Structures are given as structure tokens and as C-alpha cells.
PDB file of N, CA and C in Angstrom:
ATOM      1  N   MET A   1       7.977  40.187 -40.199  1.00  0.00           N
ATOM      2  CA  MET A   1       7.230  39.151 -39.618  1.00  0.00           C
ATOM      3  C   MET A   1       7.997  37.796 -40.153  1.00  0.00           C
ATOM      4  N   ASP A   2       8.179  37.033 -39.132  1.00  0.00           N
ATOM      5  CA  ASP A   2       8.933  35.644 -39.346  1.00  0.00           C
ATOM      6  C   ASP A   2       7.998  34.602 -39.710  1.00  0.00           C
ATOM      7  N   PRO A   3       8.143  34.053 -40.968  1.00  0.00           N
ATOM      8  CA  PRO A   3       7.119  32.955 -41.263  1.00  0.00           C
ATOM      9  C   PRO A   3       7.324  31.733 -40.361  1.00  0.00           C
ATOM     10  N   HIS A   4       6.217  31.096 -40.115  1.00  0.00           N
ATOM     11  CA  HIS A   4       6.262  29.828 -39.222  1.00  0.00           C
ATOM     12  C   HIS A   4       6.537  28.689 -40.169  1.00  0.00           C
ATOM     13  N   THR A   5       7.739  28.029 -39.896  1.00  0.00           N
ATOM     14  CA  THR A   5       8.084  26.955 -40.769  1.00  0.00           C
ATOM     15  C   THR A   5       8.103  25.502 -40.179  1.00  0.00           C
ATOM     16  N   LYS A   6       7.897  25.517 -38.873  1.00  0.00           N
ATOM     17  CA  LYS A   6       7.940  24.176 -38.199  1.00  0.00           C
ATOM     18  C   LYS A   6       6.490  23.891 -37.656  1.00  0.00           C
ATOM     19  N   ALA A   7       6.024  22.795 -37.808  1.00  0.00           N
ATOM     20  CA  ALA A   7       4.712  22.418 -37.285  1.00  0.00           C
ATOM     21  C   ALA A   7       4.895  21.980 -35.741  1.00  0.00           C
ATOM     22  N   THR A   8       3.977  22.248 -35.092  1.00  0.00           N
ATOM     23  CA  THR A   8       3.979  21.899 -33.511  1.00  0.00           C
ATOM     24  C   THR A   8       3.371  20.431 -33.481  1.00  0.00           C
ATOM     25  N   GLN A   9       3.928  19.587 -32.798  1.00  0.00           N
ATOM     26  CA  GLN A   9       3.570  18.240 -32.597  1.00  0.00           C
ATOM     27  C   GLN A   9       2.525  18.269 -31.471  1.00  0.00           C
ATOM     28  N   ILE A  10       1.300  17.610 -31.744  1.00  0.00           N
ATOM     29  CA  ILE A  10       0.213  17.592 -30.775  1.00  0.00           C
ATOM     30  C   ILE A  10      -0.188  16.099 -30.697  1.00  0.00           C
ATOM     31  N   ALA A  11      -0.891  15.653 -29.699  1.00  0.00           N
ATOM     32  CA  ALA A  11      -1.329  14.321 -29.576  1.00  0.00           C
ATOM     33  C   ALA A  11      -2.509  14.119 -30.584  1.00  0.00           C
ATOM     34  N   PRO A  12      -2.702  12.848 -31.013  1.00  0.00           N
ATOM     35  CA  PRO A  12      -3.744  12.554 -31.847  1.00  0.00           C
ATOM     36  C   PRO A  12      -5.122  12.851 -31.088  1.00  0.00           C
ATOM     37  N   PHE A  13      -6.112  13.228 -31.869  1.00  0.00           N
ATOM     38  CA  PHE A  13      -7.405  13.560 -31.355  1.00  0.00           C
ATOM     39  C   PHE A  13      -7.965  12.368 -30.358  1.00  0.00           C
ATOM     40  N   THR A  14      -7.726  11.131 -30.923  1.00  0.00           N
ATOM     41  CA  THR A  14      -8.294   9.981 -30.319  1.00  0.00           C
ATOM     42  C   THR A  14      -7.597   9.872 -28.893  1.00  0.00           C
ATOM     43  N   ALA A  15      -6.394  10.347 -28.674  1.00  0.00           N
ATOM     44  CA  ALA A  15      -5.738  10.230 -27.409  1.00  0.00           C
ATOM     45  C   ALA A  15      -6.136  11.205 -26.357  1.00  0.00           C
ATOM     46  N   VAL A  16      -6.902  12.030 -26.707  1.00  0.00           N
ATOM     47  CA  VAL A  16      -7.446  13.073 -25.733  1.00  0.00           C
ATOM     48  C   VAL A  16      -8.903  12.679 -25.342  1.00  0.00           C
ATOM     49  N   PRO A  17      -9.078  12.538 -24.038  1.00  0.00           N
ATOM     50  CA  PRO A  17     -10.463  12.048 -23.706  1.00  0.00           C
ATOM     51  C   PRO A  17     -11.452  13.185 -23.881  1.00  0.00           C
ATOM     52  N   GLY A  18     -12.655  12.828 -24.368  1.00  0.00           N
ATOM     53  CA  GLY A  18     -13.663  13.911 -24.653  1.00  0.00           C
ATOM     54  C   GLY A  18     -14.336  14.274 -23.355  1.00  0.00           C
ATOM     55  N   PRO A  19     -15.146  15.278 -23.359  1.00  0.00           N
ATOM     56  CA  PRO A  19     -15.948  15.720 -22.186  1.00  0.00           C
ATOM     57  C   PRO A  19     -16.864  14.598 -21.712  1.00  0.00           C
ATOM     58  N   ARG A  20     -17.149  14.415 -20.539  1.00  0.00           N
ATOM     59  CA  ARG A  20     -18.124  13.528 -20.010  1.00  0.00           C
ATOM     60  C   ARG A  20     -19.390  14.242 -19.905  1.00  0.00           C
ATOM     61  N   HIS A  21     -20.405  13.484 -20.387  1.00  0.00           N
ATOM     62  CA  HIS A  21     -21.839  14.113 -20.237  1.00  0.00           C
ATOM     63  C   HIS A  21     -22.304  13.719 -18.882  1.00  0.00           C
ATOM     64  N   PRO A  22     -22.709  14.652 -18.068  1.00  0.00           N
ATOM     65  CA  PRO A  22     -23.138  14.297 -16.688  1.00  0.00           C
ATOM     66  C   PRO A  22     -24.362  13.369 -16.672  1.00  0.00           C
ATOM     67  N   ALA A  23     -25.175  13.332 -17.674  1.00  0.00           N
ATOM     68  CA  ALA A  23     -26.325  12.563 -17.668  1.00  0.00           C
ATOM     69  C   ALA A  23     -26.033  11.001 -17.948  1.00  0.00           C
ATOM     70  N   ALA A  24     -24.742  10.801 -18.432  1.00  0.00           N
ATOM     71  CA  ALA A  24     -24.344   9.448 -18.782  1.00  0.00           C
ATOM     72  C   ALA A  24     -24.221   8.544 -17.624  1.00  0.00           C
ATOM     73  N   ASP A  25     -23.861   9.156 -16.402  1.00  0.00           N
ATOM     74  CA  ASP A  25     -23.708   8.336 -15.171  1.00  0.00           C
ATOM     75  C   ASP A  25     -25.110   8.306 -14.402  1.00  0.00           C
ATOM     76  N   ALA A  26     -25.974   9.206 -14.694  1.00  0.00           N
ATOM     77  CA  ALA A  26     -27.149   9.383 -14.047  1.00  0.00           C
ATOM     78  C   ALA A  26     -27.971   8.212 -14.212  1.00  0.00           C
ATOM     79  N   GLN A  27     -28.748   7.766 -13.167  1.00  0.00           N
ATOM     80  CA  GLN A  27     -29.814   6.690 -13.429  1.00  0.00           C
ATOM     81  C   GLN A  27     -31.022   7.259 -14.164  1.00  0.00           C
ATOM     82  N   PRO A  28     -31.670   6.473 -14.972  1.00  0.00           N
ATOM     83  CA  PRO A  28     -32.895   6.955 -15.625  1.00  0.00           C
ATOM     84  C   PRO A  28     -33.851   7.197 -14.533  1.00  0.00           C
ATOM     85  N   PRO A  29     -34.804   8.255 -14.850  1.00  0.00           N
ATOM     86  CA  PRO A  29     -35.745   8.543 -13.908  1.00  0.00           C
ATOM     87  C   PRO A  29     -36.829   7.327 -13.703  1.00  0.00           C
ATOM     88  N   THR A  30     -37.275   7.224 -12.458  1.00  0.00           N
ATOM     89  CA  THR A  30     -38.166   6.085 -12.156  1.00  0.00           C
ATOM     90  C   THR A  30     -39.604   6.462 -12.658  1.00  0.00           C
ATOM     91  N   GLY A  31     -40.006   7.638 -12.651  1.00  0.00           N
ATOM     92  CA  GLY A  31     -41.285   8.040 -13.172  1.00  0.00           C
ATOM     93  C   GLY A  31     -41.237   8.862 -14.415  1.00  0.00           C
ATOM     94  N   HIS A  32     -42.307   9.462 -14.707  1.00  0.00           N
ATOM     95  CA  HIS A  32     -42.281  10.368 -15.943  1.00  0.00           C
ATOM     96  C   HIS A  32     -42.111  11.816 -15.537  1.00  0.00           C
ATOM     97  N   THR A  33     -41.107  12.438 -16.043  1.00  0.00           N
ATOM     98  CA  THR A  33     -40.910  13.850 -15.832  1.00  0.00           C
ATOM     99  C   THR A  33     -41.307  14.735 -17.002  1.00  0.00           C
ATOM    100  N   THR A  34     -42.411  15.393 -16.860  1.00  0.00           N
ATOM    101  CA  THR A  34     -42.924  16.187 -17.870  1.00  0.00           C
ATOM    102  C   THR A  34     -42.623  17.739 -17.842  1.00  0.00           C
ATOM    103  N   SER A  35     -42.638  18.394 -18.889  1.00  0.00           N
ATOM    104  CA  SER A  35     -42.335  19.859 -19.007  1.00  0.00           C
ATOM    105  C   SER A  35     -43.053  20.329 -20.239  1.00  0.00           C
ATOM    106  N   THR A  36     -42.955  21.497 -20.607  1.00  0.00           N
ATOM    107  CA  THR A  36     -43.439  22.080 -21.880  1.00  0.00           C
ATOM    108  C   THR A  36     -42.278  22.681 -22.665  1.00  0.00           C
ATOM    109  N   ALA A  37     -42.493  22.699 -23.980  1.00  0.00           N
ATOM    110  CA  ALA A  37     -41.405  23.150 -24.854  1.00  0.00           C
ATOM    111  C   ALA A  37     -42.105  24.163 -25.817  1.00  0.00           C
ATOM    112  N   GLU A  38     -41.408  25.239 -26.131  1.00  0.00           N
ATOM    113  CA  GLU A  38     -41.894  26.174 -27.152  1.00  0.00           C
ATOM    114  C   GLU A  38     -41.240  25.875 -28.448  1.00  0.00           C
ATOM    115  N   ARG A  39     -42.186  25.855 -29.532  1.00  0.00           N
ATOM    116  CA  ARG A  39     -41.701  25.758 -30.838  1.00  0.00           C
ATOM    117  C   ARG A  39     -42.407  26.710 -31.705  1.00  0.00           C
ATOM    118  N   GLY A  40     -41.731  27.927 -31.879  1.00  0.00           N
ATOM    119  CA  GLY A  40     -42.359  29.038 -32.543  1.00  0.00           C
ATOM    120  C   GLY A  40     -43.591  29.576 -31.679  1.00  0.00           C
ATOM    121  N   SER A  41     -44.713  29.649 -32.354  1.00  0.00           N
ATOM    122  CA  SER A  41     -45.893  30.229 -31.573  1.00  0.00           C
ATOM    123  C   SER A  41     -46.607  29.005 -30.934  1.00  0.00           C
ATOM    124  N   PHE A  42     -46.104  27.802 -31.010  1.00  0.00           N
ATOM    125  CA  PHE A  42     -46.695  26.671 -30.379  1.00  0.00           C
ATOM    126  C   PHE A  42     -46.008  26.148 -29.205  1.00  0.00           C
ATOM    127  N   CYS A  43     -46.758  25.552 -28.377  1.00  0.00           N
ATOM    128  CA  CYS A  43     -46.287  24.908 -27.046  1.00  0.00           C
ATOM    129  C   CYS A  43     -46.757  23.529 -26.887  1.00  0.00           C
ATOM    130  N   LEU A  44     -45.691  22.713 -26.673  1.00  0.00           N
ATOM    131  CA  LEU A  44     -46.293  21.124 -26.445  1.00  0.00           C
ATOM    132  C   LEU A  44     -45.661  20.560 -25.253  1.00  0.00           C
ATOM    133  N   ALA A  45     -46.294  19.576 -24.763  1.00  0.00           N
ATOM    134  CA  ALA A  45     -45.923  18.771 -23.573  1.00  0.00           C
ATOM    135  C   ALA A  45     -44.815  17.790 -24.014  1.00  0.00           C
ATOM    136  N   VAL A  46     -43.775  17.680 -23.313  1.00  0.00           N
ATOM    137  CA  VAL A  46     -42.685  16.548 -23.531  1.00  0.00           C
ATOM    138  C   VAL A  46     -42.408  15.804 -22.240  1.00  0.00           C
ATOM    139  N   CYS A  47     -42.059  14.593 -22.343  1.00  0.00           N
ATOM    140  CA  CYS A  47     -41.758  13.769 -21.219  1.00  0.00           C
ATOM    141  C   CYS A  47     -40.430  13.057 -21.328  1.00  0.00           C
ATOM    142  N   SER A  48     -39.969  12.620 -20.180  1.00  0.00           N
ATOM    143  CA  SER A  48     -38.627  12.003 -20.258  1.00  0.00           C
ATOM    144  C   SER A  48     -38.660  10.604 -21.002  1.00  0.00           C
ATOM    145  N   CYS A  49     -39.801  10.090 -20.962  1.00  0.00           N
ATOM    146  CA  CYS A  49     -39.962   8.751 -21.736  1.00  0.00           C
ATOM    147  C   CYS A  49     -40.040   8.825 -23.243  1.00  0.00           C
ATOM    148  N   GLY A  50     -39.994  10.081 -23.773  1.00  0.00           N
ATOM    149  CA  GLY A  50     -40.018  10.312 -25.200  1.00  0.00           C
ATOM    150  C   GLY A  50     -41.397  10.769 -25.742  1.00  0.00           C
ATOM    151  N   TRP A  51     -42.344  10.771 -24.949  1.00  0.00           N
ATOM    152  CA  TRP A  51     -43.710  11.012 -25.357  1.00  0.00           C
ATOM    153  C   TRP A  51     -43.739  12.576 -25.655  1.00  0.00           C
ATOM    154  N   THR A  52     -44.510  13.052 -26.545  1.00  0.00           N
ATOM    155  CA  THR A  52     -44.781  14.392 -26.820  1.00  0.00           C
ATOM    156  C   THR A  52     -46.210  14.528 -27.056  1.00  0.00           C
ATOM    157  N   GLY A  53     -46.773  15.667 -26.479  1.00  0.00           N
ATOM    158  CA  GLY A  53     -48.190  15.913 -26.769  1.00  0.00           C
ATOM    159  C   GLY A  53     -48.323  16.709 -28.064  1.00  0.00           C
ATOM    160  N   PRO A  54     -49.609  16.967 -28.355  1.00  0.00           N
ATOM    161  CA  PRO A  54     -49.785  17.825 -29.555  1.00  0.00           C
ATOM    162  C   PRO A  54     -49.455  19.230 -29.401  1.00  0.00           C
ATOM    163  N   ALA A  55     -49.038  19.778 -30.509  1.00  0.00           N
ATOM    164  CA  ALA A  55     -48.636  21.301 -30.439  1.00  0.00           C
ATOM    165  C   ALA A  55     -49.871  22.125 -30.251  1.00  0.00           C
ATOM    166  N   ARG A  56     -49.839  23.065 -29.248  1.00  0.00           N
ATOM    167  CA  ARG A  56     -51.039  23.841 -29.023  1.00  0.00           C
ATOM    168  C   ARG A  56     -50.560  25.257 -28.871  1.00  0.00           C
ATOM    169  N   ARG A  57     -51.420  26.275 -29.319  1.00  0.00           N
ATOM    170  CA  ARG A  57     -51.225  27.571 -28.933  1.00  0.00           C
ATOM    171  C   ARG A  57     -51.434  28.102 -27.609  1.00  0.00           C
ATOM    172  N   SER A  58     -52.147  27.333 -26.851  1.00  0.00           N
ATOM    173  CA  SER A  58     -52.331  27.552 -25.359  1.00  0.00           C
ATOM    174  C   SER A  58     -51.364  26.861 -24.561  1.00  0.00           C
ATOM    175  N   ARG A  59     -50.513  27.564 -23.742  1.00  0.00           N
ATOM    176  CA  ARG A  59     -49.694  27.015 -22.779  1.00  0.00           C
ATOM    177  C   ARG A  59     -50.374  26.133 -21.721  1.00  0.00           C
ATOM    178  N   ASP A  60     -51.510  26.633 -21.332  1.00  0.00           N
ATOM    179  CA  ASP A  60     -52.286  26.161 -20.314  1.00  0.00           C
ATOM    180  C   ASP A  60     -52.742  24.641 -20.688  1.00  0.00           C
ATOM    181  N   LEU A  61     -53.245  24.581 -21.982  1.00  0.00           N
ATOM    182  CA  LEU A  61     -53.607  23.194 -22.428  1.00  0.00           C
ATOM    183  C   LEU A  61     -52.481  22.259 -22.587  1.00  0.00           C
ATOM    184  N   ALA A  62     -51.240  22.756 -22.945  1.00  0.00           N
ATOM    185  CA  ALA A  62     -50.093  21.917 -22.966  1.00  0.00           C
ATOM    186  C   ALA A  62     -49.691  21.507 -21.680  1.00  0.00           C
ATOM    187  N   ARG A  63     -49.902  22.300 -20.592  1.00  0.00           N
ATOM    188  CA  ARG A  63     -49.519  21.908 -19.290  1.00  0.00           C
ATOM    189  C   ARG A  63     -50.480  20.835 -18.804  1.00  0.00           C
ATOM    190  N   LYS A  64     -51.869  20.977 -19.257  1.00  0.00           N
ATOM    191  CA  LYS A  64     -52.740  20.002 -18.872  1.00  0.00           C
ATOM    192  C   LYS A  64     -52.458  18.681 -19.538  1.00  0.00           C
ATOM    193  N   ASP A  65     -52.018  18.669 -20.767  1.00  0.00           N
ATOM    194  CA  ASP A  65     -51.688  17.355 -21.499  1.00  0.00           C
ATOM    195  C   ASP A  65     -50.453  16.839 -20.755  1.00  0.00           C
ATOM    196  N   ALA A  66     -49.469  17.588 -20.203  1.00  0.00           N
ATOM    197  CA  ALA A  66     -48.309  17.009 -19.510  1.00  0.00           C
ATOM    198  C   ALA A  66     -48.820  16.386 -18.149  1.00  0.00           C
ATOM    199  N   THR A  67     -49.704  17.066 -17.511  1.00  0.00           N
ATOM    200  CA  THR A  67     -50.237  16.506 -16.244  1.00  0.00           C
ATOM    201  C   THR A  67     -50.954  15.261 -16.418  1.00  0.00           C
ATOM    202  N   ARG A  68     -51.875  15.203 -17.443  1.00  0.00           N
ATOM    203  CA  ARG A  68     -52.598  14.036 -17.766  1.00  0.00           C
ATOM    204  C   ARG A  68     -51.708  12.863 -18.138  1.00  0.00           C
ATOM    205  N   HIS A  69     -50.579  13.114 -18.815  1.00  0.00           N
ATOM    206  CA  HIS A  69     -49.638  11.987 -19.217  1.00  0.00           C
ATOM    207  C   HIS A  69     -48.929  11.568 -17.908  1.00  0.00           C
ATOM    208  N   GLY A  70     -48.536  12.476 -17.094  1.00  0.00           N
ATOM    209  CA  GLY A  70     -47.879  11.997 -15.786  1.00  0.00           C
ATOM    210  C   GLY A  70     -48.789  11.163 -14.902  1.00  0.00           C
ATOM    211  N   THR A  71     -50.036  11.379 -14.954  1.00  0.00           N
ATOM    212  CA  THR A  71     -50.917  10.657 -13.996  1.00  0.00           C
ATOM    213  C   THR A  71     -51.335   9.343 -14.660  1.00  0.00           C
ATOM    214  N   GLU A  72     -51.465   9.314 -16.072  1.00  0.00           N
ATOM    215  CA  GLU A  72     -51.940   8.136 -16.756  1.00  0.00           C
ATOM    216  C   GLU A  72     -50.750   7.211 -17.004  1.00  0.00           C
ATOM    217  N   GLY A  73     -49.509   7.803 -17.424  1.00  0.00           N
ATOM    218  CA  GLY A  73     -48.449   6.961 -17.851  1.00  0.00           C
ATOM    219  C   GLY A  73     -47.811   6.224 -16.797  1.00  0.00           C
TER     220      GLY A  73
END
């Protein structure tokens, strides 16, 4: 086996453009977009505005929290 003795020249990391995040160009949502998220045995409602509902064991109650926030917010 021949040892590698010469280093390969590469461009500096800052010269290589990073991946673009598709949401960076997207316009923010005009309304509230709610969904539910699972955290262990709990389910909670989350919204695009940053709001989160209380953690619940019942998915149905978490969905109702999301619906209430979407209509009230």
C-alpha cells in the first residue's frame, strides 16, 4: 500500500454556498396554521405563530385546542 503524502487542495468552506432552505423564500402564512405534535405519550397543538397548547394525553383534546386557537387567533 502506497502512503498518501500529498494533500489535495480544496476550496475554503466559506467559498462553497450552503444549501438553501426552501422556507427562506416563502412568504409567511397570512393566517394561523395549526397541527398536533407528539411528545412521548403526550400530544399538543402547535401553530405557525409560535403558540403551543397544553400537553394532553388525548389527541382529540389537542385537536380541539388547535381548532379553538385557529378560530380565536
